[in-house]
Amino acid sequence: MWLVFAFLSAALLGFYDAFKKEALTANAVLPVLFFNTLFCSLIFLPLIILSATTTLLNDTLFYVPVAGWEVHKYILVKSCIVLGSWVLGYFGMKNLPLTIVGPINATRPVMVLVGAFLFFGERLNVWQWIGVFLAVASFIMLSNSGKKEGINFKTNSWIWMIVAAAALGAISGLYDKYLMAPIGEGGVGLDQMIVQSWYNIYQFFMMGIMLILLWWPNHRHTTPFHWHWSIVCVSVFLSAADFVYFYALTIPGAMISIVSMIRRGSVVVSFLFGAVAFHEKNLKAKAADLVLVLLGMLFLYIGSR
């Protein structure tokens, strides 16, 4: 069953990336990210309040347990990791084609596999090593495709931001497994709802501080901010994707390496949006890169069954 939720999360993530690209087009990055964290917080704040003051949500998937600092300190760490990934990823997404960003993000399962190998004792077999090799090969091919659009992977700072965002995302995925794993299995044993709801709240306050200190003093001299309906869609689809993802991790037998890999299947949806909605270029070469990425994910899946 956790595989079904992983695929659903992937589809939702694909729409999230597409709306994010739309929201960031010719727009100021930090305000978009601030409103993203605001609307995500507003989605979960009623659940936090209802759970703490009533019994309406008791014994439902939407119940948010009340906890002290011994729990919230872990969630605060996650907020910092995710926000770092988002800031880098949003800047990269704004300045790069979606058909390049998506395949790079799709290599994240390789990073997760290495982390799972190091921290959770998950061992790589021949199938998984083939998947890793194909992921590396797809990155090299994507680099060659990017050169046709004047994007040099070695010197382009936006590319490195996307790579760094993917690395932080992989760290966040491993940390999620640690947070949600039962105490008897070496984890913290946190409830998925307390993690998802409160890490959004913490990120909202962090982004508020960043907006006041970094963006507002110079906003007249940088890219102006304009409101777009897609900003709300970013928050809705992200919250839905993360809710399904966290729930999948709580199901017994769920493997973070597999869930993370399937979630990167969102690249198919975002790639289609890049081709159809944003009319991006050099699609044939990028499609070949995408096929190699998906083939690598297939080998990772076979090797992880």
C-alpha atoms as a PDB file:
ATOM      1  CA  MET A   1       0.000   0.000   0.000  1.00  0.00           C
ATOM      2  CA  TRP A   2       2.846   2.413   0.718  1.00  0.00           C
ATOM      3  CA  LEU A   3       3.892   2.115  -2.933  1.00  0.00           C
ATOM      4  CA  VAL A   4       0.494   3.449  -4.046  1.00  0.00           C
ATOM      5  CA  PHE A   5       0.857   6.489  -1.799  1.00  0.00           C
ATOM      6  CA  ALA A   6       4.407   7.028  -3.077  1.00  0.00           C
ATOM      7  CA  PHE A   7       3.151   7.157  -6.700  1.00  0.00           C
ATOM      8  CA  LEU A   8       0.331   9.524  -5.718  1.00  0.00           C
ATOM      9  CA  SER A   9       2.842  11.788  -4.007  1.00  0.00           C
ATOM     10  CA  ALA A  10       4.953  11.763  -7.185  1.00  0.00           C
ATOM     11  CA  ALA A  11       2.031  12.929  -9.333  1.00  0.00           C
ATOM     12  CA  LEU A  12       1.205  15.729  -6.899  1.00  0.00           C
ATOM     13  CA  LEU A  13       4.863  16.797  -6.825  1.00  0.00           C
ATOM     14  CA  GLY A  14       4.889  17.079 -10.606  1.00  0.00           C
ATOM     15  CA  PHE A  15       2.025  19.587 -10.481  1.00  0.00           C
ATOM     16  CA  TYR A  16       3.778  21.365  -7.609  1.00  0.00           C
ATOM     17  CA  ASP A  17       6.907  21.876  -9.731  1.00  0.00           C
ATOM     18  CA  ALA A  18       4.868  23.141 -12.672  1.00  0.00           C
ATOM     19  CA  PHE A  19       2.973  25.694 -10.587  1.00  0.00           C
ATOM     20  CA  LYS A  20       6.206  26.697  -8.868  1.00  0.00           C
ATOM     21  CA  LYS A  21       7.810  27.456 -12.229  1.00  0.00           C
ATOM     22  CA  GLU A  22       4.770  29.513 -13.220  1.00  0.00           C
ATOM     23  CA  ALA A  23       4.808  31.434  -9.920  1.00  0.00           C
ATOM     24  CA  LEU A  24       8.527  32.225 -10.198  1.00  0.00           C
ATOM     25  CA  THR A  25       8.517  33.387 -13.816  1.00  0.00           C
ATOM     26  CA  ALA A  26       9.673  37.051 -13.850  1.00  0.00           C
ATOM     27  CA  ASN A  27       8.897  37.226 -10.139  1.00  0.00           C
ATOM     28  CA  ALA A  28      10.819  37.887  -6.910  1.00  0.00           C
ATOM     29  CA  VAL A  29      11.844  34.570  -5.333  1.00  0.00           C
ATOM     30  CA  LEU A  30      11.755  35.292  -1.602  1.00  0.00           C
ATOM     31  CA  PRO A  31       8.200  36.727  -1.502  1.00  0.00           C
ATOM     32  CA  VAL A  32       6.921  33.744  -3.502  1.00  0.00           C
ATOM     33  CA  LEU A  33       8.577  31.397  -1.039  1.00  0.00           C
ATOM     34  CA  PHE A  34       7.238  33.428   1.890  1.00  0.00           C
ATOM     35  CA  PHE A  35       3.658  33.139   0.633  1.00  0.00           C
ATOM     36  CA  ASN A  36       4.233  29.449  -0.020  1.00  0.00           C
ATOM     37  CA  THR A  37       5.151  28.905   3.646  1.00  0.00           C
ATOM     38  CA  LEU A  38       2.269  31.176   4.725  1.00  0.00           C
ATOM     39  CA  PHE A  39      -0.401  29.228   2.852  1.00  0.00           C
ATOM     40  CA  CYS A  40       1.083  25.881   3.896  1.00  0.00           C
ATOM     41  CA  SER A  41       0.909  27.074   7.507  1.00  0.00           C
ATOM     42  CA  LEU A  42      -2.687  28.217   7.085  1.00  0.00           C
ATOM     43  CA  ILE A  43      -3.607  24.761   5.809  1.00  0.00           C
ATOM     44  CA  PHE A  44      -2.292  23.067   8.943  1.00  0.00           C
ATOM     45  CA  LEU A  45      -2.925  25.710  11.616  1.00  0.00           C
ATOM     46  CA  PRO A  46      -6.640  24.819  11.991  1.00  0.00           C
ATOM     47  CA  LEU A  47      -5.671  21.169  12.445  1.00  0.00           C
ATOM     48  CA  ILE A  48      -3.195  22.097  15.180  1.00  0.00           C
ATOM     49  CA  ILE A  49      -5.773  24.236  16.983  1.00  0.00           C
ATOM     50  CA  LEU A  50      -8.622  21.719  16.657  1.00  0.00           C
ATOM     51  CA  SER A  51      -6.396  18.876  17.842  1.00  0.00           C
ATOM     52  CA  ALA A  52      -5.267  20.831  20.906  1.00  0.00           C
ATOM     53  CA  THR A  53      -8.658  22.221  21.918  1.00  0.00           C
ATOM     54  CA  THR A  54     -11.257  19.670  20.785  1.00  0.00           C
ATOM     55  CA  THR A  55     -11.729  15.952  20.199  1.00  0.00           C
ATOM     56  CA  LEU A  56     -13.013  16.358  16.629  1.00  0.00           C
ATOM     57  CA  LEU A  57      -9.846  15.006  15.024  1.00  0.00           C
ATOM     58  CA  ASN A  58      -9.068  12.279  17.540  1.00  0.00           C
ATOM     59  CA  ASP A  59      -8.369   8.923  15.883  1.00  0.00           C
ATOM     60  CA  THR A  60      -8.205  10.499  12.407  1.00  0.00           C
ATOM     61  CA  LEU A  61      -5.301  10.975   9.995  1.00  0.00           C
ATOM     62  CA  PHE A  62      -5.456  14.733  10.612  1.00  0.00           C
ATOM     63  CA  TYR A  63      -4.901  14.680  14.367  1.00  0.00           C
ATOM     64  CA  VAL A  64      -1.820  16.664  15.453  1.00  0.00           C
ATOM     65  CA  PRO A  65      -0.418  15.492  18.816  1.00  0.00           C
ATOM     66  CA  VAL A  66       0.659  18.056  21.385  1.00  0.00           C
ATOM     67  CA  ALA A  67       4.342  17.796  22.282  1.00  0.00           C
ATOM     68  CA  GLY A  68       7.090  19.743  24.040  1.00  0.00           C
ATOM     69  CA  TRP A  69      10.556  20.919  23.133  1.00  0.00           C
ATOM     70  CA  GLU A  70      11.937  17.363  23.216  1.00  0.00           C
ATOM     71  CA  VAL A  71       9.950  16.750  20.013  1.00  0.00           C
ATOM     72  CA  HIS A  72       9.938  20.210  18.453  1.00  0.00           C
ATOM     73  CA  LYS A  73      13.725  20.452  18.456  1.00  0.00           C
ATOM     74  CA  TYR A  74      13.810  17.652  15.878  1.00  0.00           C
ATOM     75  CA  ILE A  75      11.161  19.370  13.768  1.00  0.00           C
ATOM     76  CA  LEU A  76      13.050  22.662  13.898  1.00  0.00           C
ATOM     77  CA  VAL A  77      16.119  20.946  12.440  1.00  0.00           C
ATOM     78  CA  LYS A  78      13.990  19.578   9.608  1.00  0.00           C
ATOM     79  CA  SER A  79      12.615  23.068   8.946  1.00  0.00           C
ATOM     80  CA  CYS A  80      16.130  24.440   8.518  1.00  0.00           C
ATOM     81  CA  ILE A  81      17.124  21.633   6.135  1.00  0.00           C
ATOM     82  CA  VAL A  82      13.990  21.938   4.001  1.00  0.00           C
ATOM     83  CA  LEU A  83      14.055  25.731   3.880  1.00  0.00           C
ATOM     84  CA  GLY A  84      17.684  25.648   2.746  1.00  0.00           C
ATOM     85  CA  SER A  85      16.716  23.246  -0.029  1.00  0.00           C
ATOM     86  CA  TRP A  86      13.737  25.392  -1.020  1.00  0.00           C
ATOM     87  CA  VAL A  87      15.666  28.677  -1.184  1.00  0.00           C
ATOM     88  CA  LEU A  88      18.341  27.149  -3.420  1.00  0.00           C
ATOM     89  CA  GLY A  89      15.804  25.227  -5.476  1.00  0.00           C
ATOM     90  CA  TYR A  90      13.508  28.237  -6.032  1.00  0.00           C
ATOM     91  CA  PHE A  91      16.345  30.422  -7.297  1.00  0.00           C
ATOM     92  CA  GLY A  92      17.543  27.632  -9.584  1.00  0.00           C
ATOM     93  CA  MET A  93      14.022  26.885 -10.819  1.00  0.00           C
ATOM     94  CA  LYS A  94      13.417  30.532 -11.711  1.00  0.00           C
ATOM     95  CA  ASN A  95      16.523  30.763 -13.879  1.00  0.00           C
ATOM     96  CA  LEU A  96      16.578  27.342 -15.564  1.00  0.00           C
ATOM     97  CA  PRO A  97      14.234  25.442 -17.889  1.00  0.00           C
ATOM     98  CA  LEU A  98      11.873  23.060 -16.112  1.00  0.00           C
ATOM     99  CA  THR A  99      12.990  20.306 -18.495  1.00  0.00           C
ATOM    100  CA  ILE A 100      16.505  20.578 -17.047  1.00  0.00           C
ATOM    101  CA  VAL A 101      15.606  21.085 -13.397  1.00  0.00           C
ATOM    102  CA  GLY A 102      13.284  18.059 -13.323  1.00  0.00           C
ATOM    103  CA  PRO A 103      15.827  15.443 -14.481  1.00  0.00           C
ATOM    104  CA  ILE A 104      18.465  16.838 -12.099  1.00  0.00           C
ATOM    105  CA  ASN A 105      16.051  16.536  -9.191  1.00  0.00           C
ATOM    106  CA  ALA A 106      15.231  13.020 -10.355  1.00  0.00           C
ATOM    107  CA  THR A 107      18.781  11.925  -9.492  1.00  0.00           C
ATOM    108  CA  ARG A 108      18.007  12.564  -5.819  1.00  0.00           C
ATOM    109  CA  PRO A 109      17.247   8.857  -5.116  1.00  0.00           C
ATOM    110  CA  VAL A 110      20.891   8.099  -5.820  1.00  0.00           C
ATOM    111  CA  MET A 111      21.884  10.461  -3.021  1.00  0.00           C
ATOM    112  CA  VAL A 112      19.245   8.899  -0.773  1.00  0.00           C
ATOM    113  CA  LEU A 113      20.520   5.392  -1.550  1.00  0.00           C
ATOM    114  CA  VAL A 114      24.031   6.384  -0.576  1.00  0.00           C
ATOM    115  CA  GLY A 115      22.681   7.919   2.631  1.00  0.00           C
ATOM    116  CA  ALA A 116      20.528   4.862   3.336  1.00  0.00           C
ATOM    117  CA  PHE A 117      23.604   2.718   2.770  1.00  0.00           C
ATOM    118  CA  LEU A 118      25.637   4.785   5.232  1.00  0.00           C
ATOM    119  CA  PHE A 119      23.074   5.485   7.963  1.00  0.00           C
ATOM    120  CA  PHE A 120      20.379   2.804   7.780  1.00  0.00           C
ATOM    121  CA  GLY A 121      22.443  -0.203   6.734  1.00  0.00           C
ATOM    122  CA  GLU A 122      20.627  -0.644   3.403  1.00  0.00           C
ATOM    123  CA  ARG A 123      23.006  -2.422   1.013  1.00  0.00           C
ATOM    124  CA  LEU A 124      23.197  -1.835  -2.746  1.00  0.00           C
ATOM    125  CA  ASN A 125      22.922  -4.861  -5.012  1.00  0.00           C
ATOM    126  CA  VAL A 126      23.879  -5.194  -8.681  1.00  0.00           C
ATOM    127  CA  TRP A 127      20.543  -3.818  -9.930  1.00  0.00           C
ATOM    128  CA  GLN A 128      20.849  -0.762  -7.720  1.00  0.00           C
ATOM    129  CA  TRP A 129      24.441  -0.119  -8.780  1.00  0.00           C
ATOM    130  CA  ILE A 130      23.284  -0.210 -12.420  1.00  0.00           C
ATOM    131  CA  GLY A 131      20.612   2.323 -11.502  1.00  0.00           C
ATOM    132  CA  VAL A 132      23.231   4.570  -9.906  1.00  0.00           C
ATOM    133  CA  PHE A 133      25.411   4.306 -13.020  1.00  0.00           C
ATOM    134  CA  LEU A 134      22.482   5.206 -15.302  1.00  0.00           C
ATOM    135  CA  ALA A 135      21.626   8.203 -13.116  1.00  0.00           C
ATOM    136  CA  VAL A 136      25.203   9.490 -13.401  1.00  0.00           C
ATOM    137  CA  ALA A 137      25.170   8.889 -17.154  1.00  0.00           C
ATOM    138  CA  SER A 138      21.880  10.787 -17.498  1.00  0.00           C
ATOM    139  CA  PHE A 139      23.378  13.745 -15.639  1.00  0.00           C
ATOM    140  CA  ILE A 140      26.313  13.806 -18.092  1.00  0.00           C
ATOM    141  CA  MET A 141      23.932  13.625 -21.060  1.00  0.00           C
ATOM    142  CA  LEU A 142      21.779  16.379 -19.578  1.00  0.00           C
ATOM    143  CA  SER A 143      24.886  18.513 -19.252  1.00  0.00           C
ATOM    144  CA  ASN A 144      25.507  18.110 -22.983  1.00  0.00           C
ATOM    145  CA  SER A 145      21.881  19.013 -23.714  1.00  0.00           C
ATOM    146  CA  GLY A 146      22.220  22.114 -21.556  1.00  0.00           C
ATOM    147  CA  LYS A 147      25.196  23.323 -23.569  1.00  0.00           C
ATOM    148  CA  LYS A 148      22.924  23.623 -26.614  1.00  0.00           C
ATOM    149  CA  GLU A 149      20.972  26.253 -24.659  1.00  0.00           C
ATOM    150  CA  GLY A 150      24.076  28.024 -23.410  1.00  0.00           C
ATOM    151  CA  ILE A 151      23.966  26.387 -19.977  1.00  0.00           C
ATOM    152  CA  ASN A 152      27.371  25.187 -18.796  1.00  0.00           C
ATOM    153  CA  PHE A 153      26.887  22.759 -15.913  1.00  0.00           C
ATOM    154  CA  LYS A 154      30.404  23.379 -14.608  1.00  0.00           C
ATOM    155  CA  THR A 155      30.166  27.161 -14.313  1.00  0.00           C
ATOM    156  CA  ASN A 156      26.435  27.895 -14.083  1.00  0.00           C
ATOM    157  CA  SER A 157      25.622  28.878 -10.501  1.00  0.00           C
ATOM    158  CA  TRP A 158      21.919  28.055 -10.950  1.00  0.00           C
ATOM    159  CA  ILE A 159      22.798  24.463 -11.825  1.00  0.00           C
ATOM    160  CA  TRP A 160      24.861  24.153  -8.664  1.00  0.00           C
ATOM    161  CA  MET A 161      21.985  25.598  -6.654  1.00  0.00           C
ATOM    162  CA  ILE A 162      19.681  22.882  -8.016  1.00  0.00           C
ATOM    163  CA  VAL A 163      22.271  20.200  -7.231  1.00  0.00           C
ATOM    164  CA  ALA A 164      22.727  21.560  -3.697  1.00  0.00           C
ATOM    165  CA  ALA A 165      18.949  21.747  -3.250  1.00  0.00           C
ATOM    166  CA  ALA A 166      18.670  18.109  -4.348  1.00  0.00           C
ATOM    167  CA  ALA A 167      21.396  17.098  -1.890  1.00  0.00           C
ATOM    168  CA  LEU A 168      19.624  18.878   0.978  1.00  0.00           C
ATOM    169  CA  GLY A 169      16.379  17.259  -0.146  1.00  0.00           C
ATOM    170  CA  ALA A 170      18.023  13.856   0.065  1.00  0.00           C
ATOM    171  CA  ILE A 171      19.271  14.670   3.570  1.00  0.00           C
ATOM    172  CA  SER A 172      15.738  15.728   4.491  1.00  0.00           C
ATOM    173  CA  GLY A 173      14.375  12.419   3.196  1.00  0.00           C
ATOM    174  CA  LEU A 174      16.815  10.429   5.308  1.00  0.00           C
ATOM    175  CA  TYR A 175      16.010  12.606   8.311  1.00  0.00           C
ATOM    176  CA  ASP A 176      12.294  11.956   7.753  1.00  0.00           C
ATOM    177  CA  LYS A 177      12.898   8.229   7.969  1.00  0.00           C
ATOM    178  CA  TYR A 178      14.818   8.765  11.211  1.00  0.00           C
ATOM    179  CA  LEU A 179      12.034  10.923  12.654  1.00  0.00           C
ATOM    180  CA  MET A 180       9.242   8.530  11.720  1.00  0.00           C
ATOM    181  CA  ALA A 181      10.985   5.212  12.401  1.00  0.00           C
ATOM    182  CA  PRO A 182       9.934   3.513  15.673  1.00  0.00           C
ATOM    183  CA  ILE A 183      12.208   3.988  18.661  1.00  0.00           C
ATOM    184  CA  GLY A 184      12.871   0.244  18.691  1.00  0.00           C
ATOM    185  CA  GLU A 185      14.307   0.555  15.176  1.00  0.00           C
ATOM    186  CA  GLY A 186      16.635   3.425  16.014  1.00  0.00           C
ATOM    187  CA  GLY A 187      14.276   6.265  15.112  1.00  0.00           C
ATOM    188  CA  VAL A 188      12.484   8.963  17.090  1.00  0.00           C
ATOM    189  CA  GLY A 189       8.984   7.599  16.478  1.00  0.00           C
ATOM    190  CA  LEU A 190       7.291  10.924  15.717  1.00  0.00           C
ATOM    191  CA  ASP A 191       3.770  11.213  14.357  1.00  0.00           C
ATOM    192  CA  GLN A 192       3.699  12.290  10.706  1.00  0.00           C
ATOM    193  CA  MET A 193       1.191  15.100  11.288  1.00  0.00           C
ATOM    194  CA  ILE A 194       3.176  16.843  14.016  1.00  0.00           C
ATOM    195  CA  VAL A 195       6.205  16.855  11.724  1.00  0.00           C
ATOM    196  CA  GLN A 196       4.435  18.152   8.622  1.00  0.00           C
ATOM    197  CA  SER A 197       2.281  20.750  10.356  1.00  0.00           C
ATOM    198  CA  TRP A 198       4.903  22.283  12.600  1.00  0.00           C
ATOM    199  CA  TYR A 199       7.812  22.317  10.169  1.00  0.00           C
ATOM    200  CA  ASN A 200       5.653  24.497   7.908  1.00  0.00           C
ATOM    201  CA  ILE A 201       4.887  26.843  10.811  1.00  0.00           C
ATOM    202  CA  TYR A 202       8.577  27.186  11.667  1.00  0.00           C
ATOM    203  CA  GLN A 203       9.471  27.828   8.039  1.00  0.00           C
ATOM    204  CA  PHE A 204       6.901  30.607   7.830  1.00  0.00           C
ATOM    205  CA  PHE A 205       8.555  32.517  10.670  1.00  0.00           C
ATOM    206  CA  MET A 206      12.026  31.900   9.221  1.00  0.00           C
ATOM    207  CA  MET A 207      10.925  33.203   5.824  1.00  0.00           C
ATOM    208  CA  GLY A 208       9.317  36.218   7.482  1.00  0.00           C
ATOM    209  CA  ILE A 209      12.662  37.137   9.018  1.00  0.00           C
ATOM    210  CA  MET A 210      14.474  36.595   5.711  1.00  0.00           C
ATOM    211  CA  LEU A 211      11.924  38.712   3.872  1.00  0.00           C
ATOM    212  CA  ILE A 212      12.332  41.616   6.291  1.00  0.00           C
ATOM    213  CA  LEU A 213      16.128  41.482   6.507  1.00  0.00           C
ATOM    214  CA  LEU A 214      17.157  40.429   2.993  1.00  0.00           C
ATOM    215  CA  TRP A 215      14.444  41.318   0.485  1.00  0.00           C
ATOM    216  CA  TRP A 216      12.525  44.339   1.724  1.00  0.00           C
ATOM    217  CA  PRO A 217      15.512  46.748   2.123  1.00  0.00           C
ATOM    218  CA  ASN A 218      16.440  46.182  -1.540  1.00  0.00           C
ATOM    219  CA  HIS A 219      13.099  45.307  -3.111  1.00  0.00           C
ATOM    220  CA  ARG A 220      12.956  48.491  -5.204  1.00  0.00           C
ATOM    221  CA  HIS A 221      16.230  47.578  -6.895  1.00  0.00           C
ATOM    222  CA  THR A 222      15.554  43.902  -7.570  1.00  0.00           C
ATOM    223  CA  THR A 223      12.985  41.866  -9.490  1.00  0.00           C
ATOM    224  CA  PRO A 224       9.549  43.158  -8.405  1.00  0.00           C
ATOM    225  CA  PHE A 225       6.993  40.863  -6.823  1.00  0.00           C
ATOM    226  CA  HIS A 226       3.611  40.347  -8.456  1.00  0.00           C
ATOM    227  CA  TRP A 227       0.763  38.197  -7.248  1.00  0.00           C
ATOM    228  CA  HIS A 228      -0.255  35.136  -9.256  1.00  0.00           C
ATOM    229  CA  TRP A 229      -2.890  32.495  -8.510  1.00  0.00           C
ATOM    230  CA  SER A 230      -0.306  29.753  -9.046  1.00  0.00           C
ATOM    231  CA  ILE A 231       1.311  30.718  -5.695  1.00  0.00           C
ATOM    232  CA  VAL A 232      -1.692  29.246  -3.870  1.00  0.00           C
ATOM    233  CA  CYS A 233      -1.537  26.108  -6.041  1.00  0.00           C
ATOM    234  CA  VAL A 234       2.113  25.649  -5.068  1.00  0.00           C
ATOM    235  CA  SER A 235       1.158  25.419  -1.397  1.00  0.00           C
ATOM    236  CA  VAL A 236      -1.864  23.182  -1.952  1.00  0.00           C
ATOM    237  CA  PHE A 237      -0.105  20.610  -4.123  1.00  0.00           C
ATOM    238  CA  LEU A 238       3.026  20.608  -1.955  1.00  0.00           C
ATOM    239  CA  SER A 239       1.023  20.065   1.229  1.00  0.00           C
ATOM    240  CA  ALA A 240      -0.964  17.242  -0.385  1.00  0.00           C
ATOM    241  CA  ALA A 241       2.189  15.602  -1.780  1.00  0.00           C
ATOM    242  CA  ASP A 242       3.987  15.791   1.568  1.00  0.00           C
ATOM    243  CA  PHE A 243       0.950  14.518   3.488  1.00  0.00           C
ATOM    244  CA  VAL A 244       0.772  11.409   1.294  1.00  0.00           C
ATOM    245  CA  TYR A 245       4.564  11.011   1.472  1.00  0.00           C
ATOM    246  CA  PHE A 246       4.714  11.187   5.270  1.00  0.00           C
ATOM    247  CA  TYR A 247       1.827   8.770   5.549  1.00  0.00           C
ATOM    248  CA  ALA A 248       3.609   6.312   3.251  1.00  0.00           C
ATOM    249  CA  LEU A 249       6.676   6.375   5.514  1.00  0.00           C
ATOM    250  CA  THR A 250       4.573   5.423   8.537  1.00  0.00           C
ATOM    251  CA  ILE A 251       3.335   2.211   6.910  1.00  0.00           C
ATOM    252  CA  PRO A 252       5.306  -0.829   8.163  1.00  0.00           C
ATOM    253  CA  GLY A 253       7.878  -2.026   5.643  1.00  0.00           C
ATOM    254  CA  ALA A 254       8.169   1.299   3.822  1.00  0.00           C
ATOM    255  CA  MET A 255      11.705   1.911   2.540  1.00  0.00           C
ATOM    256  CA  ILE A 256      12.867   5.523   2.297  1.00  0.00           C
ATOM    257  CA  SER A 257      15.069   4.681  -0.701  1.00  0.00           C
ATOM    258  CA  ILE A 258      12.093   3.347  -2.681  1.00  0.00           C
ATOM    259  CA  VAL A 259       9.629   6.040  -1.625  1.00  0.00           C
ATOM    260  CA  SER A 260      12.129   8.760  -2.518  1.00  0.00           C
ATOM    261  CA  MET A 261      12.837   7.122  -5.872  1.00  0.00           C
ATOM    262  CA  ILE A 262       9.157   6.868  -6.808  1.00  0.00           C
ATOM    263  CA  ARG A 263       8.536  10.482  -5.760  1.00  0.00           C
ATOM    264  CA  ARG A 264      11.113  11.595  -8.305  1.00  0.00           C
ATOM    265  CA  GLY A 265       8.827  10.132 -10.942  1.00  0.00           C
ATOM    266  CA  SER A 266       7.238  13.568 -10.694  1.00  0.00           C
ATOM    267  CA  VAL A 267       9.766  14.521 -13.370  1.00  0.00           C
ATOM    268  CA  VAL A 268       7.430  13.018 -15.987  1.00  0.00           C
ATOM    269  CA  VAL A 269       4.621  15.416 -15.070  1.00  0.00           C
ATOM    270  CA  SER A 270       6.901  18.460 -14.787  1.00  0.00           C
ATOM    271  CA  PHE A 271       8.641  17.575 -18.072  1.00  0.00           C
ATOM    272  CA  LEU A 272       5.307  17.492 -19.877  1.00  0.00           C
ATOM    273  CA  PHE A 273       4.396  20.875 -18.401  1.00  0.00           C
ATOM    274  CA  GLY A 274       7.765  22.262 -19.525  1.00  0.00           C
ATOM    275  CA  ALA A 275       7.148  21.025 -23.062  1.00  0.00           C
ATOM    276  CA  VAL A 276       3.459  21.918 -23.427  1.00  0.00           C
ATOM    277  CA  ALA A 277       2.865  24.902 -21.139  1.00  0.00           C
ATOM    278  CA  PHE A 278       6.247  26.636 -21.201  1.00  0.00           C
ATOM    279  CA  HIS A 279       7.294  25.657 -24.762  1.00  0.00           C
ATOM    280  CA  GLU A 280      10.868  24.859 -23.724  1.00  0.00           C
ATOM    281  CA  LYS A 281      13.492  23.943 -26.313  1.00  0.00           C
ATOM    282  CA  ASN A 282      15.697  20.975 -27.226  1.00  0.00           C
ATOM    283  CA  LEU A 283      13.043  18.514 -26.092  1.00  0.00           C
ATOM    284  CA  LYS A 284      14.195  15.492 -28.089  1.00  0.00           C
ATOM    285  CA  ALA A 285      17.636  15.405 -26.476  1.00  0.00           C
ATOM    286  CA  LYS A 286      16.165  16.089 -23.039  1.00  0.00           C
ATOM    287  CA  ALA A 287      13.573  13.353 -23.561  1.00  0.00           C
ATOM    288  CA  ALA A 288      16.412  10.885 -24.137  1.00  0.00           C
ATOM    289  CA  ASP A 289      18.000  12.070 -20.896  1.00  0.00           C
ATOM    290  CA  LEU A 290      14.671  11.642 -19.136  1.00  0.00           C
ATOM    291  CA  VAL A 291      14.275   8.087 -20.442  1.00  0.00           C
ATOM    292  CA  LEU A 292      17.722   7.254 -19.046  1.00  0.00           C
ATOM    293  CA  VAL A 293      16.722   8.736 -15.674  1.00  0.00           C
ATOM    294  CA  LEU A 294      13.517   6.680 -15.613  1.00  0.00           C
ATOM    295  CA  LEU A 295      15.414   3.564 -16.675  1.00  0.00           C
ATOM    296  CA  GLY A 296      17.803   4.116 -13.792  1.00  0.00           C
ATOM    297  CA  MET A 297      14.859   4.473 -11.434  1.00  0.00           C
ATOM    298  CA  LEU A 298      13.445   1.209 -12.805  1.00  0.00           C
ATOM    299  CA  PHE A 299      16.677  -0.615 -12.005  1.00  0.00           C
ATOM    300  CA  LEU A 300      16.685   0.918  -8.523  1.00  0.00           C
ATOM    301  CA  TYR A 301      13.138  -0.320  -8.032  1.00  0.00           C
ATOM    302  CA  ILE A 302      13.917  -3.846  -9.242  1.00  0.00           C
ATOM    303  CA  GLY A 303      16.962  -4.008  -7.034  1.00  0.00           C
ATOM    304  CA  SER A 304      15.047  -2.778  -4.016  1.00  0.00           C
ATOM    305  CA  ARG A 305      12.086  -5.156  -4.155  1.00  0.00           C
END
